[in-house]
């Protein structure tokens, strides 16, 4: 990935929690042109997991790597699939109300309201 991440956040929607098998998935957005596939598996295997949402998985091990909505210029990358994770502290939590009750969430300061 090149460039600064956009909107690093957690998501606890039913879709993300079922796909990840965890209480939240950590995402960061990047412009599509900022992505270069360098892993040994090359380009991911793509699956449509929602009518307008496509997710990419490593063709060798099945790790969930990315998600992209039709027509979007941004590609959402699972934060922990990246080797360089600096600047990926979550600044938001989508579907926070759906998070499991035992999950305590501490977010980074809102960059728009220091």
PDB file of N, CA and C in Angstrom:
ATOM      1  N   UNK A   1       0.837  -1.162   0.000  1.00  0.00           N
ATOM      2  CA  UNK A   1       0.000   0.000   0.000  1.00  0.00           C
ATOM      3  C   UNK A   1       0.888   1.234   0.000  1.00  0.00           C
ATOM      4  N   UNK A   2       0.458   2.224  -0.718  1.00  0.00           N
ATOM      5  CA  UNK A   2       1.142   3.505  -0.677  1.00  0.00           C
ATOM      6  C   UNK A   2       0.123   4.566  -0.304  1.00  0.00           C
ATOM      7  N   UNK A   3       0.597   5.647   0.255  1.00  0.00           N
ATOM      8  CA  UNK A   3      -0.300   6.719   0.655  1.00  0.00           C
ATOM      9  C   UNK A   3      -0.834   6.506   2.052  1.00  0.00           C
ATOM     10  N   UNK A   4      -1.461   7.540   2.558  1.00  0.00           N
ATOM     11  CA  UNK A   4      -2.022   7.493   3.910  1.00  0.00           C
ATOM     12  C   UNK A   4      -3.318   6.702   3.929  1.00  0.00           C
ATOM     13  N   UNK A   5      -3.542   5.929   4.997  1.00  0.00           N
ATOM     14  CA  UNK A   5      -4.808   5.206   5.109  1.00  0.00           C
ATOM     15  C   UNK A   5      -5.950   6.171   5.370  1.00  0.00           C
ATOM     16  N   UNK A   6      -7.128   5.811   4.910  1.00  0.00           N
ATOM     17  CA  UNK A   6      -8.328   6.601   5.121  1.00  0.00           C
ATOM     18  C   UNK A   6      -9.268   5.822   6.034  1.00  0.00           C
ATOM     19  N   UNK A   7      -9.740   6.461   7.077  1.00  0.00           N
ATOM     20  CA  UNK A   7     -10.760   5.892   7.954  1.00  0.00           C
ATOM     21  C   UNK A   7     -10.409   4.518   8.534  1.00  0.00           C
ATOM     22  N   UNK A   8      -9.254   4.376   9.214  1.00  0.00           N
ATOM     23  CA  UNK A   8      -9.026   3.094   9.893  1.00  0.00           C
ATOM     24  C   UNK A   8     -10.085   2.946  10.993  1.00  0.00           C
ATOM     25  N   UNK A   9     -10.791   1.838  10.978  1.00  0.00           N
ATOM     26  CA  UNK A   9     -11.881   1.655  11.923  1.00  0.00           C
ATOM     27  C   UNK A   9     -12.151   0.183  12.182  1.00  0.00           C
ATOM     28  N   UNK A  10     -12.895  -0.062  13.229  1.00  0.00           N
ATOM     29  CA  UNK A  10     -13.389  -1.403  13.524  1.00  0.00           C
ATOM     30  C   UNK A  10     -14.804  -1.509  13.002  1.00  0.00           C
ATOM     31  N   UNK A  11     -15.225  -2.723  12.688  1.00  0.00           N
ATOM     32  CA  UNK A  11     -16.608  -2.953  12.281  1.00  0.00           C
ATOM     33  C   UNK A  11     -17.127  -4.190  12.994  1.00  0.00           C
ATOM     34  N   UNK A  12     -18.268  -4.039  13.649  1.00  0.00           N
ATOM     35  CA  UNK A  12     -18.903  -5.156  14.347  1.00  0.00           C
ATOM     36  C   UNK A  12     -20.244  -5.523  13.727  1.00  0.00           C
ATOM     37  N   UNK A  13     -20.420  -5.227  12.419  1.00  0.00           N
ATOM     38  CA  UNK A  13     -21.671  -5.640  11.781  1.00  0.00           C
ATOM     39  C   UNK A  13     -21.715  -7.169  11.726  1.00  0.00           C
ATOM     40  N   UNK A  14     -22.905  -7.692  11.595  1.00  0.00           N
ATOM     41  CA  UNK A  14     -23.077  -9.142  11.575  1.00  0.00           C
ATOM     42  C   UNK A  14     -22.282  -9.778  10.435  1.00  0.00           C
ATOM     43  N   UNK A  15     -22.220  -9.098   9.311  1.00  0.00           N
ATOM     44  CA  UNK A  15     -21.507  -9.612   8.145  1.00  0.00           C
ATOM     45  C   UNK A  15     -20.012  -9.777   8.441  1.00  0.00           C
ATOM     46  N   UNK A  16     -19.391  -8.738   8.984  1.00  0.00           N
ATOM     47  CA  UNK A  16     -17.949  -8.787   9.279  1.00  0.00           C
ATOM     48  C   UNK A  16     -17.634  -9.770  10.401  1.00  0.00           C
ATOM     49  N   UNK A  17     -18.475  -9.800  11.441  1.00  0.00           N
ATOM     50  CA  UNK A  17     -18.169 -10.699  12.549  1.00  0.00           C
ATOM     51  C   UNK A  17     -18.314 -12.164  12.129  1.00  0.00           C
ATOM     52  N   UNK A  18     -19.287 -12.461  11.284  1.00  0.00           N
ATOM     53  CA  UNK A  18     -19.431 -13.846  10.818  1.00  0.00           C
ATOM     54  C   UNK A  18     -18.272 -14.248   9.910  1.00  0.00           C
ATOM     55  N   UNK A  19     -17.872 -13.349   9.009  1.00  0.00           N
ATOM     56  CA  UNK A  19     -16.762 -13.667   8.106  1.00  0.00           C
ATOM     57  C   UNK A  19     -15.429 -13.799   8.827  1.00  0.00           C
ATOM     58  N   UNK A  20     -15.231 -12.987   9.863  1.00  0.00           N
ATOM     59  CA  UNK A  20     -13.940 -12.999  10.555  1.00  0.00           C
ATOM     60  C   UNK A  20     -13.898 -13.970  11.725  1.00  0.00           C
ATOM     61  N   UNK A  21     -15.064 -14.336  12.233  1.00  0.00           N
ATOM     62  CA  UNK A  21     -15.087 -15.191  13.416  1.00  0.00           C
ATOM     63  C   UNK A  21     -14.579 -14.451  14.642  1.00  0.00           C
ATOM     64  N   UNK A  22     -14.716 -13.130  14.644  1.00  0.00           N
ATOM     65  CA  UNK A  22     -14.230 -12.318  15.760  1.00  0.00           C
ATOM     66  C   UNK A  22     -15.249 -11.223  16.074  1.00  0.00           C
ATOM     67  N   UNK A  23     -15.084 -10.529  17.216  1.00  0.00           N
ATOM     68  CA  UNK A  23     -16.065  -9.513  17.591  1.00  0.00           C
ATOM     69  C   UNK A  23     -15.999  -8.238  16.752  1.00  0.00           C
ATOM     70  N   UNK A  24     -14.937  -8.067  15.993  1.00  0.00           N
ATOM     71  CA  UNK A  24     -14.818  -6.896  15.119  1.00  0.00           C
ATOM     72  C   UNK A  24     -13.737  -7.161  14.081  1.00  0.00           C
ATOM     73  N   UNK A  25     -13.879  -6.519  12.958  1.00  0.00           N
ATOM     74  CA  UNK A  25     -12.853  -6.575  11.928  1.00  0.00           C
ATOM     75  C   UNK A  25     -12.228  -5.187  11.851  1.00  0.00           C
ATOM     76  N   UNK A  26     -10.912  -5.125  11.704  1.00  0.00           N
ATOM     77  CA  UNK A  26     -10.206  -3.848  11.593  1.00  0.00           C
ATOM     78  C   UNK A  26      -9.931  -3.561  10.118  1.00  0.00           C
ATOM     79  N   UNK A  27     -10.395  -2.386   9.662  1.00  0.00           N
ATOM     80  CA  UNK A  27     -10.285  -1.988   8.266  1.00  0.00           C
ATOM     81  C   UNK A  27      -9.548  -0.659   8.126  1.00  0.00           C
ATOM     82  N   UNK A  28      -8.897  -0.471   6.992  1.00  0.00           N
ATOM     83  CA  UNK A  28      -8.372   0.841   6.595  1.00  0.00           C
ATOM     84  C   UNK A  28      -8.577   0.964   5.097  1.00  0.00           C
ATOM     85  N   UNK A  29      -9.001   2.140   4.673  1.00  0.00           N
ATOM     86  CA  UNK A  29      -9.242   2.370   3.257  1.00  0.00           C
ATOM     87  C   UNK A  29      -8.022   2.969   2.572  1.00  0.00           C
ATOM     88  N   UNK A  30      -7.818   2.595   1.324  1.00  0.00           N
ATOM     89  CA  UNK A  30      -6.755   3.134   0.483  1.00  0.00           C
ATOM     90  C   UNK A  30      -7.332   3.336  -0.910  1.00  0.00           C
ATOM     91  N   UNK A  31      -6.779   4.263  -1.639  1.00  0.00           N
ATOM     92  CA  UNK A  31      -7.185   4.447  -3.031  1.00  0.00           C
ATOM     93  C   UNK A  31      -6.801   3.182  -3.790  1.00  0.00           C
ATOM     94  N   UNK A  32      -7.629   2.758  -4.716  1.00  0.00           N
ATOM     95  CA  UNK A  32      -7.374   1.518  -5.471  1.00  0.00           C
ATOM     96  C   UNK A  32      -5.994   1.489  -6.109  1.00  0.00           C
ATOM     97  N   UNK A  33      -5.574   2.640  -6.657  1.00  0.00           N
ATOM     98  CA  UNK A  33      -4.280   2.669  -7.347  1.00  0.00           C
ATOM     99  C   UNK A  33      -3.096   2.580  -6.377  1.00  0.00           C
ATOM    100  N   UNK A  34      -3.344   2.673  -5.059  1.00  0.00           N
ATOM    101  CA  UNK A  34      -2.276   2.580  -4.067  1.00  0.00           C
ATOM    102  C   UNK A  34      -1.919   1.133  -3.739  1.00  0.00           C
ATOM    103  N   UNK A  35      -2.666   0.190  -4.279  1.00  0.00           N
ATOM    104  CA  UNK A  35      -2.486  -1.218  -3.927  1.00  0.00           C
ATOM    105  C   UNK A  35      -1.655  -1.955  -4.970  1.00  0.00           C
ATOM    106  N   UNK A  36      -0.634  -2.655  -4.482  1.00  0.00           N
ATOM    107  CA  UNK A  36       0.165  -3.541  -5.321  1.00  0.00           C
ATOM    108  C   UNK A  36       0.215  -4.888  -4.612  1.00  0.00           C
ATOM    109  N   UNK A  37      -0.128  -5.952  -5.312  1.00  0.00           N
ATOM    110  CA  UNK A  37      -0.107  -7.288  -4.706  1.00  0.00           C
ATOM    111  C   UNK A  37       1.320  -7.818  -4.723  1.00  0.00           C
ATOM    112  N   UNK A  38       1.869  -8.124  -3.534  1.00  0.00           N
ATOM    113  CA  UNK A  38       3.254  -8.588  -3.446  1.00  0.00           C
ATOM    114  C   UNK A  38       3.378  -9.968  -2.817  1.00  0.00           C
ATOM    115  N   UNK A  39       2.323 -10.504  -2.292  1.00  0.00           N
ATOM    116  CA  UNK A  39       2.392 -11.802  -1.617  1.00  0.00           C
ATOM    117  C   UNK A  39       2.644 -12.935  -2.593  1.00  0.00           C
ATOM    118  N   UNK A  40       3.028 -14.090  -2.065  1.00  0.00           N
ATOM    119  CA  UNK A  40       3.334 -15.243  -2.917  1.00  0.00           C
ATOM    120  C   UNK A  40       2.127 -15.762  -3.701  1.00  0.00           C
ATOM    121  N   UNK A  41       0.922 -15.446  -3.244  1.00  0.00           N
ATOM    122  CA  UNK A  41      -0.270 -15.918  -3.938  1.00  0.00           C
ATOM    123  C   UNK A  41      -0.697 -15.025  -5.085  1.00  0.00           C
ATOM    124  N   UNK A  42      -0.110 -13.818  -5.157  1.00  0.00           N
ATOM    125  CA  UNK A  42      -0.492 -12.883  -6.212  1.00  0.00           C
ATOM    126  C   UNK A  42      -1.871 -12.294  -5.972  1.00  0.00           C
ATOM    127  N   UNK A  43      -2.586 -12.036  -7.044  1.00  0.00           N
ATOM    128  CA  UNK A  43      -3.931 -11.452  -7.000  1.00  0.00           C
ATOM    129  C   UNK A  43      -4.855 -12.333  -6.154  1.00  0.00           C
ATOM    130  N   UNK A  44      -5.741 -11.723  -5.352  1.00  0.00           N
ATOM    131  CA  UNK A  44      -6.625 -12.530  -4.511  1.00  0.00           C
ATOM    132  C   UNK A  44      -7.718 -13.236  -5.314  1.00  0.00           C
ATOM    133  N   UNK A  45      -8.327 -14.209  -4.670  1.00  0.00           N
ATOM    134  CA  UNK A  45      -9.530 -14.850  -5.199  1.00  0.00           C
ATOM    135  C   UNK A  45     -10.696 -13.988  -4.736  1.00  0.00           C
ATOM    136  N   UNK A  46     -11.571 -13.591  -5.651  1.00  0.00           N
ATOM    137  CA  UNK A  46     -12.665 -12.671  -5.349  1.00  0.00           C
ATOM    138  C   UNK A  46     -13.987 -13.405  -5.195  1.00  0.00           C
ATOM    139  N   UNK A  47     -14.755 -12.985  -4.190  1.00  0.00           N
ATOM    140  CA  UNK A  47     -16.077 -13.536  -3.945  1.00  0.00           C
ATOM    141  C   UNK A  47     -17.030 -12.379  -3.639  1.00  0.00           C
ATOM    142  N   UNK A  48     -18.230 -12.461  -4.155  1.00  0.00           N
ATOM    143  CA  UNK A  48     -19.255 -11.482  -3.827  1.00  0.00           C
ATOM    144  C   UNK A  48     -19.951 -11.968  -2.567  1.00  0.00           C
ATOM    145  N   UNK A  49     -19.835 -11.191  -1.500  1.00  0.00           N
ATOM    146  CA  UNK A  49     -20.422 -11.596  -0.230  1.00  0.00           C
ATOM    147  C   UNK A  49     -21.649 -10.768   0.121  1.00  0.00           C
ATOM    148  N   UNK A  50     -22.009  -9.859  -0.741  1.00  0.00           N
ATOM    149  CA  UNK A  50     -23.165  -8.980  -0.595  1.00  0.00           C
ATOM    150  C   UNK A  50     -23.481  -8.555  -2.020  1.00  0.00           C
ATOM    151  N   UNK A  51     -24.678  -8.150  -2.343  1.00  0.00           N
ATOM    152  CA  UNK A  51     -24.981  -7.836  -3.742  1.00  0.00           C
ATOM    153  C   UNK A  51     -24.009  -6.856  -4.416  1.00  0.00           C
ATOM    154  N   UNK A  52     -23.502  -5.869  -3.689  1.00  0.00           N
ATOM    155  CA  UNK A  52     -22.595  -4.895  -4.308  1.00  0.00           C
ATOM    156  C   UNK A  52     -21.229  -4.853  -3.629  1.00  0.00           C
ATOM    157  N   UNK A  53     -20.895  -5.891  -2.858  1.00  0.00           N
ATOM    158  CA  UNK A  53     -19.637  -5.926  -2.116  1.00  0.00           C
ATOM    159  C   UNK A  53     -18.846  -7.163  -2.501  1.00  0.00           C
ATOM    160  N   UNK A  54     -17.583  -6.941  -2.828  1.00  0.00           N
ATOM    161  CA  UNK A  54     -16.712  -8.033  -3.243  1.00  0.00           C
ATOM    162  C   UNK A  54     -15.530  -8.099  -2.293  1.00  0.00           C
ATOM    163  N   UNK A  55     -15.199  -9.294  -1.885  1.00  0.00           N
ATOM    164  CA  UNK A  55     -14.100  -9.488  -0.938  1.00  0.00           C
ATOM    165  C   UNK A  55     -13.023 -10.347  -1.582  1.00  0.00           C
ATOM    166  N   UNK A  56     -11.766  -9.990  -1.276  1.00  0.00           N
ATOM    167  CA  UNK A  56     -10.628 -10.715  -1.811  1.00  0.00           C
ATOM    168  C   UNK A  56      -9.964 -11.540  -0.730  1.00  0.00           C
ATOM    169  N   UNK A  57      -9.637 -12.783  -1.077  1.00  0.00           N
ATOM    170  CA  UNK A  57      -9.021 -13.727  -0.151  1.00  0.00           C
ATOM    171  C   UNK A  57      -7.739 -14.264  -0.767  1.00  0.00           C
ATOM    172  N   UNK A  58      -6.734 -14.548   0.080  1.00  0.00           N
ATOM    173  CA  UNK A  58      -5.490 -15.129  -0.409  1.00  0.00           C
ATOM    174  C   UNK A  58      -5.805 -16.465  -1.077  1.00  0.00           C
ATOM    175  N   UNK A  59      -5.375 -16.659  -2.330  1.00  0.00           N
ATOM    176  CA  UNK A  59      -5.678 -17.911  -3.008  1.00  0.00           C
ATOM    177  C   UNK A  59      -4.898 -19.108  -2.453  1.00  0.00           C
ATOM    178  N   UNK A  60      -3.881 -18.853  -1.646  1.00  0.00           N
ATOM    179  CA  UNK A  60      -3.098 -19.951  -1.076  1.00  0.00           C
ATOM    180  C   UNK A  60      -3.608 -20.402   0.280  1.00  0.00           C
ATOM    181  N   UNK A  61      -3.956 -19.429   1.166  1.00  0.00           N
ATOM    182  CA  UNK A  61      -4.333 -19.814   2.531  1.00  0.00           C
ATOM    183  C   UNK A  61      -5.756 -19.418   2.911  1.00  0.00           C
ATOM    184  N   UNK A  62      -6.421 -18.597   2.090  1.00  0.00           N
ATOM    185  CA  UNK A  62      -7.793 -18.207   2.353  1.00  0.00           C
ATOM    186  C   UNK A  62      -7.965 -17.008   3.266  1.00  0.00           C
ATOM    187  N   UNK A  63      -6.877 -16.369   3.670  1.00  0.00           N
ATOM    188  CA  UNK A  63      -6.988 -15.200   4.548  1.00  0.00           C
ATOM    189  C   UNK A  63      -7.787 -14.096   3.866  1.00  0.00           C
ATOM    190  N   UNK A  64      -8.706 -13.508   4.611  1.00  0.00           N
ATOM    191  CA  UNK A  64      -9.514 -12.392   4.107  1.00  0.00           C
ATOM    192  C   UNK A  64      -8.620 -11.156   4.077  1.00  0.00           C
ATOM    193  N   UNK A  65      -8.455 -10.563   2.892  1.00  0.00           N
ATOM    194  CA  UNK A  65      -7.520  -9.454   2.717  1.00  0.00           C
ATOM    195  C   UNK A  65      -8.185  -8.106   2.482  1.00  0.00           C
ATOM    196  N   UNK A  66      -9.171  -8.058   1.603  1.00  0.00           N
ATOM    197  CA  UNK A  66      -9.717  -6.775   1.161  1.00  0.00           C
ATOM    198  C   UNK A  66     -11.220  -6.872   0.912  1.00  0.00           C
ATOM    199  N   UNK A  67     -11.826  -5.690   0.823  1.00  0.00           N
ATOM    200  CA  UNK A  67     -13.230  -5.576   0.482  1.00  0.00           C
ATOM    201  C   UNK A  67     -13.388  -4.333  -0.373  1.00  0.00           C
ATOM    202  N   UNK A  68     -14.220  -4.434  -1.394  1.00  0.00           N
ATOM    203  CA  UNK A  68     -14.456  -3.275  -2.246  1.00  0.00           C
ATOM    204  C   UNK A  68     -15.920  -3.246  -2.667  1.00  0.00           C
ATOM    205  N   UNK A  69     -16.499  -2.071  -2.561  1.00  0.00           N
ATOM    206  CA  UNK A  69     -17.881  -1.877  -2.987  1.00  0.00           C
ATOM    207  C   UNK A  69     -17.882  -1.468  -4.455  1.00  0.00           C
ATOM    208  N   UNK A  70     -18.874  -1.927  -5.193  1.00  0.00           N
ATOM    209  CA  UNK A  70     -18.978  -1.564  -6.607  1.00  0.00           C
ATOM    210  C   UNK A  70     -18.996  -0.052  -6.758  1.00  0.00           C
ATOM    211  N   UNK A  71     -18.221   0.440  -7.699  1.00  0.00           N
ATOM    212  CA  UNK A  71     -18.176   1.865  -7.999  1.00  0.00           C
ATOM    213  C   UNK A  71     -17.307   2.688  -7.076  1.00  0.00           C
ATOM    214  N   UNK A  72     -16.693   2.065  -6.084  1.00  0.00           N
ATOM    215  CA  UNK A  72     -15.868   2.799  -5.135  1.00  0.00           C
ATOM    216  C   UNK A  72     -14.441   2.964  -5.645  1.00  0.00           C
ATOM    217  N   UNK A  73     -13.853   4.109  -5.365  1.00  0.00           N
ATOM    218  CA  UNK A  73     -12.441   4.354  -5.682  1.00  0.00           C
ATOM    219  C   UNK A  73     -11.540   3.852  -4.571  1.00  0.00           C
ATOM    220  N   UNK A  74     -12.153   3.467  -3.441  1.00  0.00           N
ATOM    221  CA  UNK A  74     -11.401   3.014  -2.276  1.00  0.00           C
ATOM    222  C   UNK A  74     -11.490   1.496  -2.151  1.00  0.00           C
ATOM    223  N   UNK A  75     -10.420   0.922  -1.650  1.00  0.00           N
ATOM    224  CA  UNK A  75     -10.416  -0.494  -1.323  1.00  0.00           C
ATOM    225  C   UNK A  75     -10.141  -0.587   0.170  1.00  0.00           C
ATOM    226  N   UNK A  76     -10.946  -1.369   0.858  1.00  0.00           N
ATOM    227  CA  UNK A  76     -10.773  -1.534   2.293  1.00  0.00           C
ATOM    228  C   UNK A  76      -9.884  -2.746   2.529  1.00  0.00           C
ATOM    229  N   UNK A  77      -8.855  -2.554   3.320  1.00  0.00           N
ATOM    230  CA  UNK A  77      -7.864  -3.594   3.581  1.00  0.00           C
ATOM    231  C   UNK A  77      -7.970  -4.008   5.043  1.00  0.00           C
ATOM    232  N   UNK A  78      -7.945  -5.308   5.316  1.00  0.00           N
ATOM    233  CA  UNK A  78      -7.935  -5.762   6.700  1.00  0.00           C
ATOM    234  C   UNK A  78      -6.584  -5.367   7.289  1.00  0.00           C
ATOM    235  N   UNK A  79      -6.625  -4.606   8.361  1.00  0.00           N
ATOM    236  CA  UNK A  79      -5.407  -4.020   8.923  1.00  0.00           C
ATOM    237  C   UNK A  79      -4.337  -5.053   9.271  1.00  0.00           C
ATOM    238  N   UNK A  80      -4.755  -6.190   9.780  1.00  0.00           N
ATOM    239  CA  UNK A  80      -3.765  -7.156  10.232  1.00  0.00           C
ATOM    240  C   UNK A  80      -3.225  -8.045   9.119  1.00  0.00           C
ATOM    241  N   UNK A  81      -3.681  -7.829   7.884  1.00  0.00           N
ATOM    242  CA  UNK A  81      -3.078  -8.541   6.757  1.00  0.00           C
ATOM    243  C   UNK A  81      -1.905  -7.751   6.182  1.00  0.00           C
ATOM    244  N   UNK A  82      -1.702  -6.519   6.674  1.00  0.00           N
ATOM    245  CA  UNK A  82      -0.591  -5.690   6.213  1.00  0.00           C
ATOM    246  C   UNK A  82       0.636  -5.915   7.086  1.00  0.00           C
ATOM    247  N   UNK A  83       1.811  -5.900   6.482  1.00  0.00           N
ATOM    248  CA  UNK A  83       3.035  -6.058   7.275  1.00  0.00           C
ATOM    249  C   UNK A  83       3.402  -4.763   7.982  1.00  0.00           C
ATOM    250  N   UNK A  84       3.083  -3.618   7.394  1.00  0.00           N
ATOM    251  CA  UNK A  84       3.327  -2.313   8.015  1.00  0.00           C
ATOM    252  C   UNK A  84       2.004  -1.796   8.547  1.00  0.00           C
ATOM    253  N   UNK A  85       1.914  -1.647   9.877  1.00  0.00           N
ATOM    254  CA  UNK A  85       0.638  -1.287  10.493  1.00  0.00           C
ATOM    255  C   UNK A  85       0.653   0.080  11.171  1.00  0.00           C
ATOM    256  N   UNK A  86       1.706   0.864  10.976  1.00  0.00           N
ATOM    257  CA  UNK A  86       1.726   2.181  11.619  1.00  0.00           C
ATOM    258  C   UNK A  86       0.667   3.074  10.965  1.00  0.00           C
ATOM    259  N   UNK A  87       0.053   3.912  11.770  1.00  0.00           N
ATOM    260  CA  UNK A  87      -0.993   4.805  11.285  1.00  0.00           C
ATOM    261  C   UNK A  87      -2.344   4.151  11.114  1.00  0.00           C
ATOM    262  N   UNK A  88      -2.513   2.935  11.638  1.00  0.00           N
ATOM    263  CA  UNK A  88      -3.768   2.214  11.464  1.00  0.00           C
ATOM    264  C   UNK A  88      -4.586   2.112  12.748  1.00  0.00           C
ATOM    265  N   UNK A  89      -4.296   2.982  13.732  1.00  0.00           N
ATOM    266  CA  UNK A  89      -5.093   2.976  14.956  1.00  0.00           C
ATOM    267  C   UNK A  89      -6.529   3.341  14.596  1.00  0.00           C
ATOM    268  N   UNK A  90      -7.507   2.566  15.035  1.00  0.00           N
ATOM    269  CA  UNK A  90      -8.898   2.858  14.673  1.00  0.00           C
ATOM    270  C   UNK A  90      -9.352   4.213  15.202  1.00  0.00           C
ATOM    271  N   UNK A  91     -10.056   4.945  14.364  1.00  0.00           N
ATOM    272  CA  UNK A  91     -10.626   6.227  14.770  1.00  0.00           C
ATOM    273  C   UNK A  91     -12.155   6.157  14.809  1.00  0.00           C
ATOM    274  N   UNK A  92     -12.697   5.001  14.547  1.00  0.00           N
ATOM    275  CA  UNK A  92     -14.141   4.824  14.592  1.00  0.00           C
ATOM    276  C   UNK A  92     -14.496   3.361  14.771  1.00  0.00           C
ATOM    277  N   UNK A  93     -15.764   3.120  15.012  1.00  0.00           N
ATOM    278  CA  UNK A  93     -16.248   1.744  15.181  1.00  0.00           C
ATOM    279  C   UNK A  93     -17.648   1.652  14.593  1.00  0.00           C
ATOM    280  N   UNK A  94     -17.740   1.079  13.403  1.00  0.00           N
ATOM    281  CA  UNK A  94     -19.029   0.873  12.760  1.00  0.00           C
ATOM    282  C   UNK A  94     -19.802  -0.214  13.499  1.00  0.00           C
ATOM    283  N   UNK A  95     -21.092  -0.018  13.636  1.00  0.00           N
ATOM    284  CA  UNK A  95     -21.977  -0.983  14.298  1.00  0.00           C
ATOM    285  C   UNK A  95     -21.526  -1.264  15.732  1.00  0.00           C
ATOM    286  N   UNK A  96     -21.051  -0.216  16.396  1.00  0.00           N
ATOM    287  CA  UNK A  96     -20.599  -0.332  17.789  1.00  0.00           C
ATOM    288  C   UNK A  96     -21.703  -0.909  18.673  1.00  0.00           C
ATOM    289  N   UNK A  97     -22.957  -0.528  18.394  1.00  0.00           N
ATOM    290  CA  UNK A  97     -24.073  -1.015  19.206  1.00  0.00           C
ATOM    291  C   UNK A  97     -24.273  -2.522  19.071  1.00  0.00           C
ATOM    292  N   UNK A  98     -23.729  -3.125  18.018  1.00  0.00           N
ATOM    293  CA  UNK A  98     -23.843  -4.565  17.816  1.00  0.00           C
ATOM    294  C   UNK A  98     -22.651  -5.328  18.402  1.00  0.00           C
ATOM    295  N   UNK A  99     -21.663  -4.605  18.908  1.00  0.00           N
ATOM    296  CA  UNK A  99     -20.474  -5.261  19.472  1.00  0.00           C
ATOM    297  C   UNK A  99     -20.866  -6.095  20.687  1.00  0.00           C
ATOM    298  N   UNK A 100     -20.135  -7.165  20.909  1.00  0.00           N
ATOM    299  CA  UNK A 100     -20.405  -8.009  22.075  1.00  0.00           C
ATOM    300  C   UNK A 100     -20.225  -7.163  23.335  1.00  0.00           C
ATOM    301  N   UNK A 101     -21.036  -7.388  24.359  1.00  0.00           N
ATOM    302  CA  UNK A 101     -21.013  -6.517  25.531  1.00  0.00           C
ATOM    303  C   UNK A 101     -19.679  -6.510  26.282  1.00  0.00           C
ATOM    304  N   UNK A 102     -18.901  -7.576  26.200  1.00  0.00           N
ATOM    305  CA  UNK A 102     -17.647  -7.628  26.936  1.00  0.00           C
ATOM    306  C   UNK A 102     -16.496  -6.932  26.211  1.00  0.00           C
ATOM    307  N   UNK A 103     -16.752  -6.422  25.014  1.00  0.00           N
ATOM    308  CA  UNK A 103     -15.685  -5.781  24.248  1.00  0.00           C
ATOM    309  C   UNK A 103     -15.545  -4.319  24.677  1.00  0.00           C
ATOM    310  N   UNK A 104     -14.472  -4.004  25.361  1.00  0.00           N
ATOM    311  CA  UNK A 104     -14.187  -2.616  25.740  1.00  0.00           C
ATOM    312  C   UNK A 104     -13.379  -1.991  24.610  1.00  0.00           C
ATOM    313  N   UNK A 105     -13.832  -0.838  24.134  1.00  0.00           N
ATOM    314  CA  UNK A 105     -13.213  -0.241  22.954  1.00  0.00           C
ATOM    315  C   UNK A 105     -12.638   1.120  23.324  1.00  0.00           C
ATOM    316  N   UNK A 106     -11.357   1.288  23.061  1.00  0.00           N
ATOM    317  CA  UNK A 106     -10.712   2.575  23.233  1.00  0.00           C
ATOM    318  C   UNK A 106     -10.250   3.025  21.862  1.00  0.00           C
ATOM    319  N   UNK A 107     -10.781   4.135  21.407  1.00  0.00           N
ATOM    320  CA  UNK A 107     -10.445   4.633  20.083  1.00  0.00           C
ATOM    321  C   UNK A 107      -9.406   5.734  20.164  1.00  0.00           C
ATOM    322  N   UNK A 108      -8.663   5.889  19.094  1.00  0.00           N
ATOM    323  CA  UNK A 108      -7.724   6.991  18.990  1.00  0.00           C
ATOM    324  C   UNK A 108      -8.518   8.292  19.000  1.00  0.00           C
ATOM    325  N   UNK A 109      -7.873   9.413  19.345  1.00  0.00           N
ATOM    326  CA  UNK A 109      -8.593  10.692  19.314  1.00  0.00           C
ATOM    327  C   UNK A 109      -9.125  10.972  17.920  1.00  0.00           C
ATOM    328  N   UNK A 110     -10.289  11.596  17.865  1.00  0.00           N
ATOM    329  CA  UNK A 110     -10.904  11.966  16.594  1.00  0.00           C
ATOM    330  C   UNK A 110      -9.993  12.979  15.900  1.00  0.00           C
ATOM    331  N   UNK A 111      -9.486  12.674  14.697  1.00  0.00           N
ATOM    332  CA  UNK A 111      -8.556  13.593  14.041  1.00  0.00           C
ATOM    333  C   UNK A 111      -9.200  14.910  13.631  1.00  0.00           C
ATOM    334  N   UNK A 112     -10.531  14.957  13.544  1.00  0.00           N
ATOM    335  CA  UNK A 112     -11.212  16.189  13.147  1.00  0.00           C
ATOM    336  C   UNK A 112     -11.515  17.090  14.342  1.00  0.00           C
ATOM    337  N   UNK A 113     -11.430  16.546  15.553  1.00  0.00           N
ATOM    338  CA  UNK A 113     -11.730  17.313  16.763  1.00  0.00           C
ATOM    339  C   UNK A 113     -10.651  17.048  17.807  1.00  0.00           C
ATOM    340  N   UNK A 114      -9.475  17.674  17.656  1.00  0.00           N
ATOM    341  CA  UNK A 114      -8.354  17.400  18.589  1.00  0.00           C
ATOM    342  C   UNK A 114      -8.656  17.760  20.032  1.00  0.00           C
TER     343      UNK A 114
END
